[in-house]
Amino acid sequence: MNQTLSLQQLADRLVHVEREMNIIRRELTDLRQRTGPVPQTGVTQFAVAYSWADKEILRLWLKGLFAALSIQGVPMGAQLLQQRMGQAGLTSNELSRSLVEAREE
């Protein structure tokens, strides 16, 4: 399925993914800081079960997440992204600022 997405739709999806990642990071930080028993939610059970970080399982999980969000393509490096943004007439921080503004709303 070849689907054209607007910049706003991509930004919205990125914000959603970042929110989910922040939740996971907070739960992992809580796990590391606690010395007693940890309540087992779905995410913490996964983190404890795979604390040795099987990267293949994580790659498959992220691939499924990106497919569910209709995110396609191969990641590009920061330099290539900045070059393409320049070609599109965007300043280096223009997308970052709009993402921060969207988060603050």
Protein backbone atom coordinates (compact mmCIF):
# COMPACT_ATOMS: atom_id res chain seq x y z
CA MET A 1 0.00 0.00 0.00
CA ASN A 2 1.58 3.25 -1.14
CA GLN A 3 0.11 6.08 0.87
CA THR A 4 1.00 9.75 0.81
CA LEU A 5 1.02 11.32 4.24
CA SER A 6 1.09 14.98 5.06
CA LEU A 7 3.85 16.44 7.17
CA GLN A 8 1.30 17.04 9.94
CA GLN A 9 0.19 13.38 9.90
CA LEU A 10 3.79 12.23 10.15
CA ALA A 11 4.46 14.70 12.97
CA ASP A 12 1.35 13.46 14.81
CA ARG A 13 2.49 9.85 14.49
CA LEU A 14 5.97 10.75 15.67
CA VAL A 15 4.54 12.52 18.72
CA HIS A 16 2.47 9.41 19.48
CA VAL A 17 5.52 7.13 19.23
CA GLU A 18 7.57 9.51 21.39
CA ARG A 19 4.85 9.51 24.07
CA GLU A 20 4.84 5.71 24.13
CA MET A 21 8.65 5.62 24.34
CA ASN A 22 8.61 8.13 27.22
CA ILE A 23 6.16 5.92 29.13
CA ILE A 24 8.45 2.94 28.62
CA ARG A 25 11.52 4.94 29.66
CA ARG A 26 9.78 6.11 32.85
CA GLU A 27 8.78 2.56 33.75
CA LEU A 28 12.31 1.31 33.13
CA THR A 29 13.74 4.13 35.26
CA ASP A 30 11.31 3.20 38.05
CA LEU A 31 12.42 -0.43 37.77
CA ARG A 32 16.08 0.50 38.10
CA GLN A 33 15.49 2.78 41.10
CA ARG A 34 13.39 0.39 43.15
CA THR A 35 15.02 -2.08 45.47
CA GLY A 36 11.86 -3.91 46.53
CA PRO A 37 9.30 -5.88 44.53
CA VAL A 38 7.97 -4.19 41.41
CA PRO A 39 4.31 -4.32 40.38
CA GLN A 40 4.11 -6.33 37.16
CA THR A 41 2.34 -4.45 34.36
CA GLY A 42 2.46 -5.72 30.78
CA VAL A 43 5.38 -3.44 29.95
CA THR A 44 7.37 -4.23 33.09
CA GLN A 45 6.80 -7.97 32.61
CA PHE A 46 8.26 -7.63 29.12
CA ALA A 47 11.19 -5.55 30.40
CA VAL A 48 11.98 -8.04 33.18
CA ALA A 49 11.56 -11.09 30.95
CA TYR A 50 13.89 -9.62 28.34
CA SER A 51 16.28 -7.67 30.53
CA TRP A 52 19.15 -9.12 28.49
CA ALA A 53 17.63 -7.25 25.49
CA ASP A 54 17.22 -9.71 22.66
CA LYS A 55 17.58 -7.21 19.85
CA GLU A 56 15.93 -9.44 17.26
CA ILE A 57 12.68 -9.51 19.24
CA LEU A 58 12.86 -5.73 19.70
CA ARG A 59 13.49 -5.25 15.96
CA LEU A 60 10.44 -7.35 15.12
CA TRP A 61 8.33 -5.48 17.65
CA LEU A 62 9.39 -2.08 16.26
CA LYS A 63 8.82 -3.28 12.71
CA GLY A 64 5.26 -4.23 13.69
CA LEU A 65 4.77 -0.87 15.43
CA PHE A 66 5.96 1.06 12.37
CA ALA A 67 3.71 -1.03 10.11
CA ALA A 68 0.73 -0.33 12.38
CA LEU A 69 1.50 3.39 12.19
CA SER A 70 2.04 3.20 8.39
CA ILE A 71 5.63 4.37 8.77
CA GLN A 72 7.61 3.13 5.79
CA GLY A 73 11.16 3.41 4.54
CA VAL A 74 14.65 3.10 5.89
CA PRO A 75 15.86 5.46 8.63
CA MET A 76 18.22 8.17 7.45
CA GLY A 77 21.06 9.77 9.34
CA ALA A 78 20.95 13.26 10.82
CA GLN A 79 23.24 14.73 8.15
CA LEU A 80 21.13 13.42 5.28
CA LEU A 81 17.96 14.62 7.01
CA GLN A 82 19.41 18.12 7.47
CA GLN A 83 20.53 18.16 3.84
CA ARG A 84 17.04 17.20 2.62
CA MET A 85 15.42 19.72 4.95
CA GLY A 86 17.68 22.41 3.45
CA GLN A 87 16.66 21.35 -0.05
CA ALA A 88 13.01 21.63 1.00
CA GLY A 89 13.63 25.14 2.34
CA LEU A 90 13.29 24.22 6.02
CA THR A 91 15.58 25.62 8.71
CA SER A 92 17.49 23.13 10.84
CA ASN A 93 15.14 23.46 13.84
CA GLU A 94 11.86 24.12 12.06
CA LEU A 95 10.47 20.59 12.42
CA SER A 96 11.69 20.29 16.01
CA ARG A 97 9.96 23.51 17.00
CA SER A 98 6.66 22.41 15.46
CA LEU A 99 6.89 19.06 17.29
CA VAL A 100 7.54 20.83 20.60
CA GLU A 101 4.63 23.19 19.94
CA ALA A 102 2.37 20.21 19.17
CA ARG A 103 3.39 18.55 22.44
CA GLU A 104 2.63 21.70 24.42
CA GLU A 105 -0.94 21.93 23.08
